[in-house]
Amino acid sequence: MSSWPTNDPKKLVAALKADGGDNAQLSGAVFTGQSLKDINLRHADLSSAELGKCKLTECALDHARLTGANLSGATIADSIIHWATFQKAQLSKMTIRSCMFDKADFSEAVAPDLTIIASLGVSAKFCGAELTGARLENSAFALGDFRRANLSRAVLRQSDFREANFGSCNLSGADLAGAVLYKANLASAIIRDAKFRGAKYDRTTKWGKAGPPPGAVLVKEKDK
């Protein structure tokens, strides 16, 4: 479509259902409160779009650009969001559930109380993101980049962070019970009052000068 009704949420969703949104130019579009199901938004430009409290289900968001978008209170479920860009987006109280988001970029996103659950995101970036109180549970974040992120009081239980980089990350008061930390780098992370009960690490995991925290469990190579 050459011209999208970007200021009329209902008409916009109807148009996307009819025509598909692959490569759609939707910068600044208003979707607030709408439900989008089984819509193709691959490579779409959704920068600065208003998606607050939207529900996106079974959507394709591969390579979508959501830089500076507002997704506060939104839910993305059962969707593919590989390589999507959420840099500097507003993601407060947003939920990502049962999604795949390899190499998605959440750098500098403002995302307090963000929930990511039952999802898979290899090599995802969260550099400098504000993630206070976030819930990143029962998900895989292998090779994730959490440098300078604020994960204070976050709940990271039962998630896989193998080979993740937590350089200068604030994990104070976070709960990492049962997390997998093989080859992860926590050498410069702030882990004051963090809980590591049952968290698994190996000899290649990097800790600060104080060494492994109480509750963390060293796993030998043969027992992995």
N, C-alpha and C. Protein backbone atom coordinates (compact mmCIF):
# COMPACT_ATOMS: atom_id res chain seq x y z
N MET A 1 0.85 -1.19 0.00
CA MET A 1 0.00 0.00 0.00
C MET A 1 0.89 1.24 0.00
N SER A 2 0.59 2.18 -0.85
CA SER A 2 1.43 3.37 -0.98
C SER A 2 1.22 4.35 0.17
N SER A 3 0.00 4.35 0.72
CA SER A 3 -0.30 5.28 1.82
C SER A 3 -1.11 4.55 2.89
N TRP A 4 -0.52 4.42 4.07
CA TRP A 4 -1.18 3.72 5.17
C TRP A 4 -1.95 4.71 6.04
N PRO A 5 -3.11 4.31 6.58
CA PRO A 5 -3.88 5.19 7.48
C PRO A 5 -3.25 5.19 8.88
N THR A 6 -2.07 5.81 9.00
CA THR A 6 -1.26 5.68 10.21
C THR A 6 -1.84 6.34 11.45
N ASN A 7 -2.86 7.18 11.28
CA ASN A 7 -3.46 7.84 12.44
C ASN A 7 -4.81 7.25 12.83
N ASP A 8 -5.21 6.16 12.17
CA ASP A 8 -6.47 5.49 12.48
C ASP A 8 -6.16 4.04 12.80
N PRO A 9 -6.01 3.70 14.09
CA PRO A 9 -5.56 2.36 14.48
C PRO A 9 -6.38 1.21 13.89
N LYS A 10 -7.70 1.31 13.90
CA LYS A 10 -8.53 0.21 13.41
C LYS A 10 -8.38 0.03 11.90
N LYS A 11 -8.40 1.13 11.16
CA LYS A 11 -8.23 1.04 9.71
C LYS A 11 -6.83 0.54 9.34
N LEU A 12 -5.85 0.94 10.14
CA LEU A 12 -4.48 0.52 9.87
C LEU A 12 -4.34 -0.99 10.05
N VAL A 13 -4.88 -1.53 11.12
CA VAL A 13 -4.81 -2.97 11.36
C VAL A 13 -5.54 -3.73 10.26
N ALA A 14 -6.70 -3.24 9.86
CA ALA A 14 -7.47 -3.89 8.79
C ALA A 14 -6.68 -3.90 7.48
N ALA A 15 -6.00 -2.79 7.18
CA ALA A 15 -5.20 -2.70 5.96
C ALA A 15 -4.03 -3.67 6.00
N LEU A 16 -3.40 -3.81 7.15
CA LEU A 16 -2.28 -4.73 7.28
C LEU A 16 -2.72 -6.18 7.15
N LYS A 17 -3.90 -6.48 7.67
CA LYS A 17 -4.44 -7.84 7.53
C LYS A 17 -4.72 -8.15 6.06
N ALA A 18 -5.21 -7.16 5.34
CA ALA A 18 -5.58 -7.37 3.94
C ALA A 18 -4.38 -7.42 3.01
N ASP A 19 -3.40 -6.54 3.25
CA ASP A 19 -2.31 -6.39 2.30
C ASP A 19 -0.96 -6.90 2.81
N GLY A 20 -0.85 -7.15 4.12
CA GLY A 20 0.44 -7.51 4.68
C GLY A 20 1.32 -6.29 4.86
N GLY A 21 2.26 -6.39 5.82
CA GLY A 21 3.07 -5.21 6.10
C GLY A 21 4.55 -5.40 5.88
N ASP A 22 4.91 -6.33 5.00
CA ASP A 22 6.32 -6.55 4.70
C ASP A 22 6.94 -5.26 4.13
N ASN A 23 7.99 -4.77 4.81
CA ASN A 23 8.68 -3.53 4.40
C ASN A 23 7.80 -2.28 4.50
N ALA A 24 6.71 -2.37 5.22
CA ALA A 24 5.81 -1.21 5.35
C ALA A 24 6.49 -0.05 6.06
N GLN A 25 6.25 1.15 5.59
CA GLN A 25 6.78 2.36 6.21
C GLN A 25 5.74 2.91 7.17
N LEU A 26 5.92 2.58 8.45
CA LEU A 26 4.91 2.89 9.47
C LEU A 26 5.50 3.69 10.62
N SER A 27 6.52 4.46 10.34
CA SER A 27 7.15 5.27 11.38
C SER A 27 6.13 6.23 11.98
N GLY A 28 6.02 6.20 13.32
CA GLY A 28 5.09 7.09 14.01
C GLY A 28 3.64 6.67 13.96
N ALA A 29 3.35 5.51 13.38
CA ALA A 29 1.96 5.04 13.27
C ALA A 29 1.35 4.79 14.63
N VAL A 30 0.03 4.95 14.71
CA VAL A 30 -0.69 4.77 15.97
C VAL A 30 -1.48 3.46 15.93
N PHE A 31 -1.12 2.54 16.84
CA PHE A 31 -1.80 1.25 16.96
C PHE A 31 -2.41 1.07 18.35
N THR A 32 -2.33 2.04 19.19
CA THR A 32 -2.61 1.90 20.62
C THR A 32 -3.84 1.05 20.91
N GLY A 33 -3.61 0.00 21.72
CA GLY A 33 -4.71 -0.83 22.20
C GLY A 33 -5.25 -1.84 21.21
N GLN A 34 -4.67 -1.95 20.03
CA GLN A 34 -5.19 -2.86 19.01
C GLN A 34 -4.65 -4.28 19.18
N SER A 35 -5.38 -5.25 18.61
CA SER A 35 -4.93 -6.64 18.57
C SER A 35 -4.52 -6.98 17.14
N LEU A 36 -3.30 -7.49 16.99
CA LEU A 36 -2.79 -7.87 15.68
C LEU A 36 -2.46 -9.36 15.72
N LYS A 37 -3.07 -10.12 14.84
CA LYS A 37 -2.83 -11.56 14.82
C LYS A 37 -2.46 -12.02 13.41
N ASP A 38 -1.40 -12.84 13.35
CA ASP A 38 -0.95 -13.44 12.09
C ASP A 38 -0.73 -12.39 11.01
N ILE A 39 -0.01 -11.33 11.38
CA ILE A 39 0.29 -10.25 10.43
C ILE A 39 1.79 -10.23 10.14
N ASN A 40 2.13 -10.09 8.89
CA ASN A 40 3.52 -10.03 8.46
C ASN A 40 4.03 -8.60 8.54
N LEU A 41 4.99 -8.37 9.44
CA LEU A 41 5.61 -7.06 9.59
C LEU A 41 7.12 -7.15 9.41
N ARG A 42 7.56 -8.12 8.61
CA ARG A 42 8.99 -8.29 8.37
C ARG A 42 9.57 -7.03 7.72
N HIS A 43 10.70 -6.58 8.27
CA HIS A 43 11.41 -5.42 7.72
C HIS A 43 10.59 -4.13 7.79
N ALA A 44 9.48 -4.14 8.51
CA ALA A 44 8.66 -2.93 8.60
C ALA A 44 9.37 -1.86 9.44
N ASP A 45 9.17 -0.61 9.06
CA ASP A 45 9.70 0.51 9.83
C ASP A 45 8.62 0.99 10.78
N LEU A 46 8.75 0.60 12.06
CA LEU A 46 7.81 0.99 13.11
C LEU A 46 8.47 1.91 14.12
N SER A 47 9.51 2.59 13.70
CA SER A 47 10.22 3.50 14.60
C SER A 47 9.26 4.58 15.11
N SER A 48 9.34 4.83 16.41
CA SER A 48 8.51 5.85 17.07
C SER A 48 7.01 5.57 16.97
N ALA A 49 6.64 4.34 16.61
CA ALA A 49 5.22 3.98 16.54
C ALA A 49 4.62 3.86 17.94
N GLU A 50 3.32 4.10 18.02
CA GLU A 50 2.59 3.97 19.29
C GLU A 50 1.90 2.61 19.32
N LEU A 51 2.47 1.68 20.12
CA LEU A 51 1.94 0.32 20.22
C LEU A 51 1.60 -0.03 21.67
N GLY A 52 1.40 0.98 22.48
CA GLY A 52 1.08 0.75 23.88
C GLY A 52 -0.18 -0.10 24.05
N LYS A 53 -0.08 -1.11 24.93
CA LYS A 53 -1.19 -2.01 25.28
C LYS A 53 -1.72 -2.82 24.09
N CYS A 54 -0.92 -2.91 23.03
CA CYS A 54 -1.31 -3.76 21.89
C CYS A 54 -1.05 -5.23 22.21
N LYS A 55 -1.75 -6.11 21.52
CA LYS A 55 -1.52 -7.54 21.62
C LYS A 55 -1.15 -8.05 20.23
N LEU A 56 0.10 -8.51 20.09
CA LEU A 56 0.58 -9.04 18.82
C LEU A 56 0.78 -10.54 18.98
N THR A 57 0.01 -11.32 18.24
CA THR A 57 0.04 -12.78 18.37
C THR A 57 0.31 -13.41 17.02
N GLU A 58 1.24 -14.36 17.01
CA GLU A 58 1.58 -15.10 15.78
C GLU A 58 1.97 -14.15 14.64
N CYS A 59 2.68 -13.10 14.98
CA CYS A 59 3.11 -12.13 13.98
C CYS A 59 4.57 -12.38 13.59
N ALA A 60 4.93 -11.95 12.39
CA ALA A 60 6.32 -12.02 11.92
C ALA A 60 6.91 -10.63 11.98
N LEU A 61 7.90 -10.46 12.85
CA LEU A 61 8.53 -9.15 13.05
C LEU A 61 10.03 -9.23 12.77
N ASP A 62 10.45 -10.20 11.98
CA ASP A 62 11.87 -10.33 11.65
C ASP A 62 12.39 -9.03 11.05
N HIS A 63 13.49 -8.54 11.60
CA HIS A 63 14.17 -7.34 11.09
C HIS A 63 13.30 -6.07 11.20
N ALA A 64 12.21 -6.12 11.92
CA ALA A 64 11.39 -4.91 12.08
C ALA A 64 12.16 -3.87 12.89
N ARG A 65 11.94 -2.60 12.56
CA ARG A 65 12.62 -1.50 13.24
C ARG A 65 11.62 -0.80 14.16
N LEU A 66 11.84 -0.97 15.47
CA LEU A 66 10.97 -0.38 16.47
C LEU A 66 11.75 0.60 17.34
N THR A 67 12.77 1.20 16.78
CA THR A 67 13.59 2.17 17.51
C THR A 67 12.73 3.32 18.02
N GLY A 68 12.80 3.55 19.33
CA GLY A 68 12.06 4.66 19.92
C GLY A 68 10.56 4.46 19.97
N ALA A 69 10.09 3.26 19.66
CA ALA A 69 8.64 3.00 19.68
C ALA A 69 8.15 2.87 21.13
N ASN A 70 6.86 3.06 21.31
CA ASN A 70 6.25 2.89 22.63
C ASN A 70 5.43 1.61 22.64
N LEU A 71 5.92 0.61 23.39
CA LEU A 71 5.21 -0.65 23.55
C LEU A 71 4.86 -0.90 25.02
N SER A 72 4.70 0.15 25.78
CA SER A 72 4.40 0.01 27.21
C SER A 72 3.10 -0.77 27.39
N GLY A 73 3.17 -1.82 28.21
CA GLY A 73 1.98 -2.62 28.48
C GLY A 73 1.57 -3.54 27.34
N ALA A 74 2.35 -3.59 26.27
CA ALA A 74 2.02 -4.43 25.12
C ALA A 74 2.43 -5.88 25.38
N THR A 75 1.85 -6.78 24.58
CA THR A 75 2.21 -8.20 24.65
C THR A 75 2.54 -8.70 23.25
N ILE A 76 3.69 -9.37 23.12
CA ILE A 76 4.04 -10.06 21.88
C ILE A 76 4.13 -11.54 22.23
N ALA A 77 3.30 -12.37 21.59
CA ALA A 77 3.25 -13.79 21.94
C ALA A 77 3.30 -14.66 20.68
N ASP A 78 3.97 -15.80 20.82
CA ASP A 78 4.01 -16.80 19.75
C ASP A 78 4.44 -16.19 18.42
N SER A 79 5.41 -15.32 18.48
CA SER A 79 5.84 -14.57 17.29
C SER A 79 7.34 -14.72 17.05
N ILE A 80 7.76 -14.41 15.82
CA ILE A 80 9.17 -14.44 15.44
C ILE A 80 9.66 -13.00 15.34
N ILE A 81 10.67 -12.67 16.15
CA ILE A 81 11.18 -11.29 16.13
C ILE A 81 12.71 -11.27 16.00
N HIS A 82 13.25 -12.24 15.26
CA HIS A 82 14.69 -12.26 15.02
C HIS A 82 15.15 -10.94 14.41
N TRP A 83 16.30 -10.45 14.87
CA TRP A 83 16.95 -9.26 14.32
C TRP A 83 16.10 -7.98 14.47
N ALA A 84 15.02 -8.02 15.18
CA ALA A 84 14.23 -6.80 15.38
C ALA A 84 15.00 -5.81 16.25
N THR A 85 14.77 -4.53 16.03
CA THR A 85 15.48 -3.48 16.76
C THR A 85 14.52 -2.72 17.66
N PHE A 86 14.80 -2.76 18.96
CA PHE A 86 13.99 -2.05 19.96
C PHE A 86 14.84 -1.00 20.67
N GLN A 87 15.87 -0.50 20.03
CA GLN A 87 16.76 0.46 20.67
C GLN A 87 15.99 1.68 21.16
N LYS A 88 16.25 2.05 22.42
CA LYS A 88 15.67 3.24 23.05
C LYS A 88 14.14 3.22 23.03
N ALA A 89 13.55 2.04 22.89
CA ALA A 89 12.09 1.94 22.91
C ALA A 89 11.57 1.97 24.35
N GLN A 90 10.31 2.36 24.51
CA GLN A 90 9.63 2.35 25.80
C GLN A 90 8.92 1.01 25.95
N LEU A 91 9.45 0.16 26.85
CA LEU A 91 8.93 -1.20 26.98
C LEU A 91 8.46 -1.49 28.40
N SER A 92 8.07 -0.48 29.13
CA SER A 92 7.65 -0.65 30.51
C SER A 92 6.46 -1.61 30.59
N LYS A 93 6.59 -2.63 31.45
CA LYS A 93 5.52 -3.62 31.70
C LYS A 93 5.08 -4.36 30.43
N MET A 94 5.96 -4.42 29.45
CA MET A 94 5.70 -5.20 28.24
C MET A 94 5.95 -6.68 28.52
N THR A 95 5.25 -7.57 27.78
CA THR A 95 5.42 -9.01 27.92
C THR A 95 5.80 -9.62 26.58
N ILE A 96 6.85 -10.43 26.58
CA ILE A 96 7.24 -11.23 25.41
C ILE A 96 7.12 -12.68 25.85
N ARG A 97 6.22 -13.42 25.23
CA ARG A 97 5.94 -14.79 25.66
C ARG A 97 5.98 -15.77 24.49
N SER A 98 6.72 -16.85 24.67
CA SER A 98 6.80 -17.92 23.67
C SER A 98 7.21 -17.36 22.30
N CYS A 99 8.26 -16.55 22.30
CA CYS A 99 8.76 -15.93 21.07
C CYS A 99 10.20 -16.37 20.79
N MET A 100 10.62 -16.16 19.57
CA MET A 100 12.01 -16.38 19.18
C MET A 100 12.57 -15.04 18.73
N PHE A 101 13.68 -14.61 19.37
CA PHE A 101 14.19 -13.26 19.08
C PHE A 101 15.72 -13.23 18.97
N ASP A 102 16.29 -14.19 18.24
CA ASP A 102 17.74 -14.22 18.04
C ASP A 102 18.23 -12.87 17.48
N LYS A 103 19.29 -12.37 18.08
CA LYS A 103 19.97 -11.14 17.65
C LYS A 103 19.06 -9.91 17.64
N ALA A 104 17.98 -9.96 18.37
CA ALA A 104 17.17 -8.75 18.55
C ALA A 104 17.97 -7.76 19.40
N ASP A 105 17.74 -6.48 19.19
CA ASP A 105 18.53 -5.44 19.86
C ASP A 105 17.64 -4.56 20.74
N PHE A 106 17.82 -4.71 22.06
CA PHE A 106 17.07 -3.93 23.04
C PHE A 106 17.97 -2.88 23.71
N SER A 107 19.05 -2.53 23.07
CA SER A 107 20.02 -1.61 23.67
C SER A 107 19.36 -0.29 24.07
N GLU A 108 19.64 0.14 25.30
CA GLU A 108 19.17 1.42 25.85
C GLU A 108 17.64 1.52 25.89
N ALA A 109 16.97 0.39 25.81
CA ALA A 109 15.51 0.42 25.96
C ALA A 109 15.15 0.77 27.41
N VAL A 110 14.05 1.46 27.58
CA VAL A 110 13.54 1.78 28.91
C VAL A 110 12.46 0.75 29.21
N ALA A 111 12.83 -0.27 30.00
CA ALA A 111 11.97 -1.44 30.13
C ALA A 111 11.82 -1.95 31.57
N PRO A 112 11.50 -1.06 32.52
CA PRO A 112 11.27 -1.57 33.88
C PRO A 112 10.07 -2.51 33.89
N ASP A 113 10.20 -3.60 34.63
CA ASP A 113 9.11 -4.58 34.76
C ASP A 113 8.78 -5.30 33.45
N LEU A 114 9.72 -5.30 32.51
CA LEU A 114 9.56 -6.10 31.29
C LEU A 114 9.51 -7.58 31.68
N THR A 115 8.66 -8.35 30.99
CA THR A 115 8.60 -9.80 31.20
C THR A 115 8.95 -10.51 29.90
N ILE A 116 9.93 -11.40 29.97
CA ILE A 116 10.23 -12.31 28.86
C ILE A 116 10.18 -13.72 29.45
N ILE A 117 9.28 -14.53 28.94
CA ILE A 117 9.08 -15.85 29.52
C ILE A 117 8.90 -16.89 28.41
N ALA A 118 9.48 -18.08 28.65
CA ALA A 118 9.35 -19.21 27.73
C ALA A 118 9.73 -18.82 26.31
N SER A 119 10.83 -18.10 26.17
CA SER A 119 11.26 -17.59 24.87
C SER A 119 12.73 -17.92 24.61
N LEU A 120 13.15 -17.74 23.36
CA LEU A 120 14.52 -18.07 22.96
C LEU A 120 15.11 -16.90 22.19
N GLY A 121 16.22 -16.36 22.73
CA GLY A 121 16.86 -15.22 22.07
C GLY A 121 18.37 -15.30 22.11
N VAL A 122 18.96 -16.05 21.20
CA VAL A 122 20.41 -16.19 21.15
C VAL A 122 21.04 -14.89 20.63
N SER A 123 22.10 -14.45 21.30
CA SER A 123 22.86 -13.26 20.91
C SER A 123 22.03 -11.97 20.91
N ALA A 124 21.01 -11.92 21.74
CA ALA A 124 20.23 -10.68 21.86
C ALA A 124 21.03 -9.64 22.64
N LYS A 125 20.80 -8.37 22.32
CA LYS A 125 21.53 -7.27 22.97
C LYS A 125 20.63 -6.48 23.91
N PHE A 126 21.13 -6.25 25.12
CA PHE A 126 20.42 -5.45 26.11
C PHE A 126 21.37 -4.38 26.68
N CYS A 127 22.35 -3.97 25.91
CA CYS A 127 23.36 -3.02 26.39
C CYS A 127 22.72 -1.74 26.91
N GLY A 128 23.04 -1.37 28.13
CA GLY A 128 22.56 -0.11 28.68
C GLY A 128 21.06 -0.03 28.88
N ALA A 129 20.37 -1.15 28.81
CA ALA A 129 18.91 -1.13 28.97
C ALA A 129 18.51 -0.96 30.43
N GLU A 130 17.42 -0.27 30.66
CA GLU A 130 16.87 -0.09 32.01
C GLU A 130 15.86 -1.22 32.24
N LEU A 131 16.27 -2.22 33.05
CA LEU A 131 15.47 -3.43 33.24
C LEU A 131 15.17 -3.69 34.71
N THR A 132 15.05 -2.62 35.47
CA THR A 132 14.77 -2.77 36.90
C THR A 132 13.48 -3.56 37.10
N GLY A 133 13.55 -4.61 37.93
CA GLY A 133 12.36 -5.39 38.24
C GLY A 133 11.86 -6.27 37.11
N ALA A 134 12.66 -6.43 36.05
CA ALA A 134 12.24 -7.25 34.92
C ALA A 134 12.16 -8.72 35.31
N ARG A 135 11.35 -9.47 34.58
CA ARG A 135 11.26 -10.92 34.76
C ARG A 135 11.72 -11.59 33.46
N LEU A 136 12.90 -12.18 33.50
CA LEU A 136 13.44 -12.89 32.35
C LEU A 136 13.56 -14.36 32.76
N GLU A 137 12.44 -15.06 32.77
CA GLU A 137 12.37 -16.39 33.36
C GLU A 137 12.14 -17.49 32.33
N ASN A 138 12.73 -18.67 32.63
CA ASN A 138 12.50 -19.87 31.82
C ASN A 138 12.73 -19.60 30.34
N SER A 139 13.76 -18.84 30.04
CA SER A 139 14.07 -18.47 28.66
C SER A 139 15.56 -18.66 28.41
N ALA A 140 15.94 -18.61 27.13
CA ALA A 140 17.34 -18.78 26.77
C ALA A 140 17.91 -17.48 26.22
N PHE A 141 19.01 -17.02 26.84
CA PHE A 141 19.68 -15.78 26.45
C PHE A 141 21.16 -16.06 26.17
N ALA A 142 21.46 -17.22 25.62
CA ALA A 142 22.85 -17.58 25.36
C ALA A 142 23.52 -16.51 24.50
N LEU A 143 24.76 -16.18 24.86
CA LEU A 143 25.55 -15.17 24.15
C LEU A 143 24.92 -13.77 24.24
N GLY A 144 24.05 -13.58 25.18
CA GLY A 144 23.41 -12.28 25.34
C GLY A 144 24.38 -11.21 25.81
N ASP A 145 24.13 -9.98 25.41
CA ASP A 145 24.98 -8.85 25.77
C ASP A 145 24.22 -7.94 26.73
N PHE A 146 24.58 -8.02 28.01
CA PHE A 146 23.92 -7.23 29.06
C PHE A 146 24.86 -6.17 29.64
N ARG A 147 25.86 -5.79 28.90
CA ARG A 147 26.81 -4.80 29.42
C ARG A 147 26.10 -3.50 29.77
N ARG A 148 26.40 -3.02 30.97
CA ARG A 148 25.89 -1.74 31.50
C ARG A 148 24.36 -1.71 31.68
N ALA A 149 23.73 -2.86 31.56
CA ALA A 149 22.27 -2.90 31.79
C ALA A 149 21.97 -2.81 33.28
N ASN A 150 20.82 -2.29 33.61
CA ASN A 150 20.37 -2.23 35.00
C ASN A 150 19.33 -3.32 35.22
N LEU A 151 19.77 -4.41 35.85
CA LEU A 151 18.88 -5.53 36.16
C LEU A 151 18.66 -5.66 37.66
N SER A 152 18.74 -4.53 38.34
CA SER A 152 18.53 -4.58 39.79
C SER A 152 17.12 -5.07 40.11
N ARG A 153 17.05 -5.97 41.07
CA ARG A 153 15.79 -6.58 41.53
C ARG A 153 15.08 -7.38 40.43
N ALA A 154 15.80 -7.71 39.37
CA ALA A 154 15.20 -8.51 38.29
C ALA A 154 15.11 -9.98 38.71
N VAL A 155 14.18 -10.68 38.11
CA VAL A 155 14.00 -12.11 38.36
C VAL A 155 14.46 -12.86 37.12
N LEU A 156 15.55 -13.61 37.26
CA LEU A 156 16.16 -14.29 36.13
C LEU A 156 16.17 -15.81 36.35
N ARG A 157 15.23 -16.29 37.10
CA ARG A 157 15.21 -17.70 37.49
C ARG A 157 15.06 -18.65 36.31
N GLN A 158 15.84 -19.74 36.41
CA GLN A 158 15.72 -20.86 35.47
C GLN A 158 15.99 -20.47 34.01
N SER A 159 16.69 -19.39 33.77
CA SER A 159 17.02 -19.01 32.40
C SER A 159 18.46 -19.38 32.07
N ASP A 160 18.73 -19.52 30.78
CA ASP A 160 20.04 -19.95 30.30
C ASP A 160 20.83 -18.73 29.81
N PHE A 161 21.88 -18.39 30.54
CA PHE A 161 22.73 -17.24 30.21
C PHE A 161 24.14 -17.70 29.84
N ARG A 162 24.27 -18.88 29.29
CA ARG A 162 25.62 -19.35 28.97
C ARG A 162 26.29 -18.41 27.96
N GLU A 163 27.55 -18.08 28.25
CA GLU A 163 28.37 -17.19 27.43
C GLU A 163 27.82 -15.76 27.34
N ALA A 164 26.92 -15.40 28.24
CA ALA A 164 26.41 -14.02 28.26
C ALA A 164 27.45 -13.09 28.88
N ASN A 165 27.42 -11.84 28.47
CA ASN A 165 28.35 -10.83 28.97
C ASN A 165 27.60 -9.85 29.87
N PHE A 166 27.92 -9.88 31.17
CA PHE A 166 27.30 -8.98 32.14
C PHE A 166 28.28 -7.89 32.58
N GLY A 167 29.15 -7.48 31.70
CA GLY A 167 30.15 -6.47 32.05
C GLY A 167 29.51 -5.18 32.55
N SER A 168 29.90 -4.76 33.77
CA SER A 168 29.39 -3.52 34.39
C SER A 168 27.87 -3.52 34.50
N CYS A 169 27.27 -4.69 34.55
CA CYS A 169 25.81 -4.80 34.68
C CYS A 169 25.42 -4.74 36.16
N ASN A 170 24.33 -4.06 36.46
CA ASN A 170 23.85 -3.97 37.84
C ASN A 170 22.86 -5.10 38.10
N LEU A 171 23.31 -6.11 38.86
CA LEU A 171 22.46 -7.25 39.23
C LEU A 171 22.12 -7.22 40.72
N SER A 172 22.25 -6.07 41.34
CA SER A 172 22.01 -6.00 42.78
C SER A 172 20.57 -6.39 43.11
N GLY A 173 20.44 -7.32 44.04
CA GLY A 173 19.11 -7.76 44.46
C GLY A 173 18.39 -8.65 43.47
N ALA A 174 19.07 -9.03 42.38
CA ALA A 174 18.43 -9.88 41.37
C ALA A 174 18.35 -11.33 41.86
N ASP A 175 17.42 -12.08 41.30
CA ASP A 175 17.23 -13.48 41.66
C ASP A 175 17.62 -14.35 40.47
N LEU A 176 18.76 -15.04 40.57
CA LEU A 176 19.24 -15.90 39.50
C LEU A 176 19.15 -17.38 39.90
N ALA A 177 18.20 -17.73 40.74
CA ALA A 177 18.07 -19.11 41.19
C ALA A 177 17.88 -20.04 40.00
N GLY A 178 18.72 -21.07 39.94
CA GLY A 178 18.61 -22.06 38.89
C GLY A 178 19.07 -21.62 37.52
N ALA A 179 19.64 -20.42 37.41
CA ALA A 179 20.11 -19.93 36.11
C ALA A 179 21.35 -20.70 35.66
N VAL A 180 21.55 -20.79 34.35
CA VAL A 180 22.73 -21.43 33.78
C VAL A 180 23.72 -20.33 33.38
N LEU A 181 24.94 -20.41 33.94
CA LEU A 181 25.92 -19.34 33.74
C LEU A 181 27.23 -19.88 33.18
N TYR A 182 27.20 -20.96 32.45
CA TYR A 182 28.42 -21.51 31.87
C TYR A 182 29.08 -20.48 30.94
N LYS A 183 30.36 -20.27 31.13
CA LYS A 183 31.16 -19.35 30.31
C LYS A 183 30.68 -17.90 30.36
N ALA A 184 29.77 -17.58 31.25
CA ALA A 184 29.29 -16.20 31.36
C ALA A 184 30.36 -15.31 32.00
N ASN A 185 30.31 -14.03 31.68
CA ASN A 185 31.27 -13.07 32.22
C ASN A 185 30.57 -12.14 33.21
N LEU A 186 30.82 -12.37 34.49
CA LEU A 186 30.27 -11.52 35.56
C LEU A 186 31.39 -10.84 36.34
N ALA A 187 32.56 -10.73 35.73
CA ALA A 187 33.74 -10.23 36.44
C ALA A 187 33.56 -8.82 36.97
N SER A 188 32.84 -7.97 36.23
CA SER A 188 32.66 -6.59 36.67
C SER A 188 31.20 -6.28 37.01
N ALA A 189 30.39 -7.32 37.09
CA ALA A 189 28.97 -7.11 37.42
C ALA A 189 28.80 -6.77 38.90
N ILE A 190 27.79 -5.99 39.20
CA ILE A 190 27.45 -5.67 40.58
C ILE A 190 26.44 -6.71 41.05
N ILE A 191 26.83 -7.57 41.99
CA ILE A 191 25.96 -8.68 42.40
C ILE A 191 25.58 -8.59 43.88
N ARG A 192 25.68 -7.39 44.44
CA ARG A 192 25.33 -7.19 45.84
C ARG A 192 23.89 -7.63 46.12
N ASP A 193 23.70 -8.50 47.12
CA ASP A 193 22.39 -8.99 47.55
C ASP A 193 21.67 -9.81 46.49
N ALA A 194 22.38 -10.19 45.42
CA ALA A 194 21.76 -11.06 44.41
C ALA A 194 21.70 -12.49 44.95
N LYS A 195 20.71 -13.24 44.47
CA LYS A 195 20.52 -14.62 44.90
C LYS A 195 20.94 -15.57 43.78
N PHE A 196 21.81 -16.52 44.12
CA PHE A 196 22.32 -17.46 43.13
C PHE A 196 22.02 -18.91 43.53
N ARG A 197 20.99 -19.13 44.31
CA ARG A 197 20.69 -20.48 44.80
C ARG A 197 20.49 -21.46 43.62
N GLY A 198 21.37 -22.44 43.53
CA GLY A 198 21.25 -23.45 42.49
C GLY A 198 21.68 -22.99 41.11
N ALA A 199 22.20 -21.76 40.98
CA ALA A 199 22.71 -21.30 39.68
C ALA A 199 23.93 -22.13 39.30
N LYS A 200 24.01 -22.55 38.06
CA LYS A 200 25.08 -23.43 37.61
C LYS A 200 26.16 -22.65 36.86
N TYR A 201 27.40 -22.87 37.25
CA TYR A 201 28.52 -22.26 36.55
C TYR A 201 29.60 -23.31 36.33
N ASP A 202 30.56 -23.00 35.46
CA ASP A 202 31.68 -23.92 35.24
C ASP A 202 32.99 -23.19 35.45
N ARG A 203 34.07 -23.89 35.19
CA ARG A 203 35.39 -23.29 35.45
C ARG A 203 35.71 -22.12 34.54
N THR A 204 34.95 -21.95 33.46
CA THR A 204 35.21 -20.84 32.55
C THR A 204 34.34 -19.61 32.87
N THR A 205 33.43 -19.75 33.81
CA THR A 205 32.62 -18.60 34.23
C THR A 205 33.52 -17.58 34.93
N LYS A 206 33.37 -16.32 34.60
CA LYS A 206 34.22 -15.28 35.18
C LYS A 206 33.47 -14.53 36.27
N TRP A 207 34.06 -14.53 37.48
CA TRP A 207 33.50 -13.82 38.63
C TRP A 207 34.44 -12.68 39.03
N GLY A 208 33.97 -11.82 39.90
CA GLY A 208 34.81 -10.76 40.44
C GLY A 208 35.82 -11.30 41.43
N LYS A 209 36.52 -10.40 42.10
CA LYS A 209 37.57 -10.80 43.03
C LYS A 209 37.06 -11.69 44.16
N ALA A 210 35.81 -11.52 44.55
CA ALA A 210 35.26 -12.31 45.65
C ALA A 210 34.98 -13.75 45.26
N GLY A 211 35.03 -14.03 43.97
CA GLY A 211 34.79 -15.39 43.52
C GLY A 211 33.32 -15.73 43.42
N PRO A 212 32.99 -17.00 43.23
CA PRO A 212 31.60 -17.43 43.09
C PRO A 212 30.77 -17.06 44.32
N PRO A 213 29.54 -16.60 44.14
CA PRO A 213 28.71 -16.21 45.28
C PRO A 213 28.11 -17.43 45.99
N PRO A 214 27.70 -17.26 47.20
CA PRO A 214 27.07 -18.37 47.93
C PRO A 214 25.83 -18.88 47.19
N GLY A 215 25.69 -20.18 47.18
CA GLY A 215 24.52 -20.78 46.54
C GLY A 215 24.76 -21.25 45.12
N ALA A 216 25.75 -20.66 44.44
CA ALA A 216 26.05 -21.07 43.07
C ALA A 216 26.74 -22.43 43.09
N VAL A 217 26.50 -23.22 42.05
CA VAL A 217 26.98 -24.61 42.02
C VAL A 217 27.95 -24.80 40.85
N LEU A 218 29.15 -25.25 41.16
CA LEU A 218 30.14 -25.55 40.13
C LEU A 218 29.80 -26.88 39.47
N VAL A 219 29.67 -26.87 38.16
CA VAL A 219 29.35 -28.09 37.41
C VAL A 219 30.55 -28.49 36.57
N LYS A 220 31.00 -29.71 36.73
CA LYS A 220 32.12 -30.21 35.94
C LYS A 220 31.66 -30.53 34.52
N GLU A 221 32.59 -30.49 33.59
CA GLU A 221 32.28 -30.70 32.18
C GLU A 221 31.54 -32.02 31.97
N LYS A 222 31.94 -33.04 32.64
CA LYS A 222 31.35 -34.35 32.44
C LYS A 222 29.93 -34.45 32.99
N ASP A 223 29.54 -33.46 33.82
CA ASP A 223 28.20 -33.50 34.42
C ASP A 223 27.20 -32.57 33.74
N LYS A 224 27.64 -31.88 32.69
CA LYS A 224 26.73 -30.94 32.02
C LYS A 224 25.68 -31.72 31.22
